[in-house]
């Protein structure tokens, strides 16, 4: 497994987190940012994962650009 393959895998993981709908999938399980602020457990594992999900939501435009770059590179390199 090379570095490029690892970066593609991380990009796919970030895409998966970015498309999660908070109202549909996260709220019924109690994984919202609002609930995290109410409980005050920001340093727990659950709090870190919720923060990562919201960071991926915030970085959607750069994710789109990285996806475009990967697609173009894959088109030319095979």
C-alpha atoms as a PDB file:
ATOM      1  CA  UNK A   1       0.000   0.000   0.000  1.00  0.00           C
ATOM      2  CA  UNK A   2       1.514   3.258  -1.101  1.00  0.00           C
ATOM      3  CA  UNK A   3       1.159   6.785   0.128  1.00  0.00           C
ATOM      4  CA  UNK A   4      -1.210   7.706  -2.728  1.00  0.00           C
ATOM      5  CA  UNK A   5      -3.537   4.816  -1.846  1.00  0.00           C
ATOM      6  CA  UNK A   6      -3.541   5.883   1.798  1.00  0.00           C
ATOM      7  CA  UNK A   7      -4.443   9.458   0.814  1.00  0.00           C
ATOM      8  CA  UNK A   8      -7.279   8.189  -1.393  1.00  0.00           C
ATOM      9  CA  UNK A   9      -8.605   6.123   1.488  1.00  0.00           C
ATOM     10  CA  UNK A  10      -8.541   9.109   3.835  1.00  0.00           C
ATOM     11  CA  UNK A  11     -10.295  11.209   1.203  1.00  0.00           C
ATOM     12  CA  UNK A  12     -13.030   8.587   0.862  1.00  0.00           C
ATOM     13  CA  UNK A  13     -13.413   8.485   4.661  1.00  0.00           C
ATOM     14  CA  UNK A  14     -13.693  12.296   4.804  1.00  0.00           C
ATOM     15  CA  UNK A  15     -16.324  12.159   2.039  1.00  0.00           C
ATOM     16  CA  UNK A  16     -18.291   9.601   4.018  1.00  0.00           C
ATOM     17  CA  UNK A  17     -18.284  11.836   7.096  1.00  0.00           C
ATOM     18  CA  UNK A  18     -19.144  14.952   5.079  1.00  0.00           C
ATOM     19  CA  UNK A  19     -22.350  13.493   3.643  1.00  0.00           C
ATOM     20  CA  UNK A  20     -23.822  12.362   6.967  1.00  0.00           C
ATOM     21  CA  UNK A  21     -27.080  14.210   7.593  1.00  0.00           C
ATOM     22  CA  UNK A  22     -27.225  15.445  11.164  1.00  0.00           C
ATOM     23  CA  UNK A  23     -31.029  15.461  11.430  1.00  0.00           C
ATOM     24  CA  UNK A  24     -31.508  12.049   9.888  1.00  0.00           C
ATOM     25  CA  UNK A  25     -28.657   9.913  11.139  1.00  0.00           C
ATOM     26  CA  UNK A  26     -26.866  11.636  14.002  1.00  0.00           C
ATOM     27  CA  UNK A  27     -29.662  13.241  16.041  1.00  0.00           C
ATOM     28  CA  UNK A  28     -31.588  10.009  16.799  1.00  0.00           C
ATOM     29  CA  UNK A  29     -28.394   8.541  18.255  1.00  0.00           C
ATOM     30  CA  UNK A  30     -27.522  11.675  20.239  1.00  0.00           C
ATOM     31  CA  UNK A  31     -24.451  12.561  18.159  1.00  0.00           C
ATOM     32  CA  UNK A  32     -25.166  16.264  17.594  1.00  0.00           C
ATOM     33  CA  UNK A  33     -22.986  19.224  18.394  1.00  0.00           C
ATOM     34  CA  UNK A  34     -25.803  20.816  20.425  1.00  0.00           C
ATOM     35  CA  UNK A  35     -26.047  17.773  22.688  1.00  0.00           C
ATOM     36  CA  UNK A  36     -22.288  17.758  23.080  1.00  0.00           C
ATOM     37  CA  UNK A  37     -22.362  21.349  24.330  1.00  0.00           C
ATOM     38  CA  UNK A  38     -25.158  20.494  26.788  1.00  0.00           C
ATOM     39  CA  UNK A  39     -23.290  17.582  28.346  1.00  0.00           C
ATOM     40  CA  UNK A  40     -19.911  19.306  28.251  1.00  0.00           C
ATOM     41  CA  UNK A  41     -17.972  16.158  27.335  1.00  0.00           C
ATOM     42  CA  UNK A  42     -15.883  17.654  24.536  1.00  0.00           C
ATOM     43  CA  UNK A  43     -12.713  15.743  25.364  1.00  0.00           C
ATOM     44  CA  UNK A  44     -14.305  12.308  25.338  1.00  0.00           C
ATOM     45  CA  UNK A  45     -13.973   9.966  22.366  1.00  0.00           C
ATOM     46  CA  UNK A  46     -17.576  10.670  21.372  1.00  0.00           C
ATOM     47  CA  UNK A  47     -16.904  14.413  21.531  1.00  0.00           C
ATOM     48  CA  UNK A  48     -13.812  14.072  19.365  1.00  0.00           C
ATOM     49  CA  UNK A  49     -15.709  12.045  16.751  1.00  0.00           C
ATOM     50  CA  UNK A  50     -18.546  14.592  16.692  1.00  0.00           C
ATOM     51  CA  UNK A  51     -15.971  17.344  16.228  1.00  0.00           C
ATOM     52  CA  UNK A  52     -14.388  15.429  13.335  1.00  0.00           C
ATOM     53  CA  UNK A  53     -17.784  15.006  11.656  1.00  0.00           C
ATOM     54  CA  UNK A  54     -18.515  18.720  11.948  1.00  0.00           C
ATOM     55  CA  UNK A  55     -15.053  19.608  10.663  1.00  0.00           C
ATOM     56  CA  UNK A  56     -15.733  17.482   7.572  1.00  0.00           C
ATOM     57  CA  UNK A  57     -19.080  19.266   7.116  1.00  0.00           C
ATOM     58  CA  UNK A  58     -17.299  22.606   7.330  1.00  0.00           C
ATOM     59  CA  UNK A  59     -14.609  21.597   4.810  1.00  0.00           C
ATOM     60  CA  UNK A  60     -16.946  20.470   2.014  1.00  0.00           C
ATOM     61  CA  UNK A  61     -15.587  22.888  -0.612  1.00  0.00           C
ATOM     62  CA  UNK A  62     -11.946  21.804  -0.164  1.00  0.00           C
ATOM     63  CA  UNK A  63     -13.134  18.182  -0.228  1.00  0.00           C
ATOM     64  CA  UNK A  64     -14.781  18.810  -3.580  1.00  0.00           C
ATOM     65  CA  UNK A  65     -11.551  20.295  -4.917  1.00  0.00           C
ATOM     66  CA  UNK A  66      -9.492  17.344  -3.637  1.00  0.00           C
ATOM     67  CA  UNK A  67     -11.985  14.948  -5.224  1.00  0.00           C
ATOM     68  CA  UNK A  68     -11.646  16.782  -8.528  1.00  0.00           C
ATOM     69  CA  UNK A  69      -7.848  16.589  -8.341  1.00  0.00           C
ATOM     70  CA  UNK A  70      -7.948  12.870  -7.603  1.00  0.00           C
ATOM     71  CA  UNK A  71     -10.361  12.249 -10.463  1.00  0.00           C
ATOM     72  CA  UNK A  72      -8.160  14.151 -12.929  1.00  0.00           C
ATOM     73  CA  UNK A  73      -5.017  12.354 -11.756  1.00  0.00           C
ATOM     74  CA  UNK A  74      -6.764   8.989 -12.030  1.00  0.00           C
ATOM     75  CA  UNK A  75      -7.977   9.849 -15.543  1.00  0.00           C
ATOM     76  CA  UNK A  76      -4.465  10.640 -16.756  1.00  0.00           C
ATOM     77  CA  UNK A  77      -2.517   7.990 -14.840  1.00  0.00           C
ATOM     78  CA  UNK A  78      -4.907   5.119 -15.316  1.00  0.00           C
END
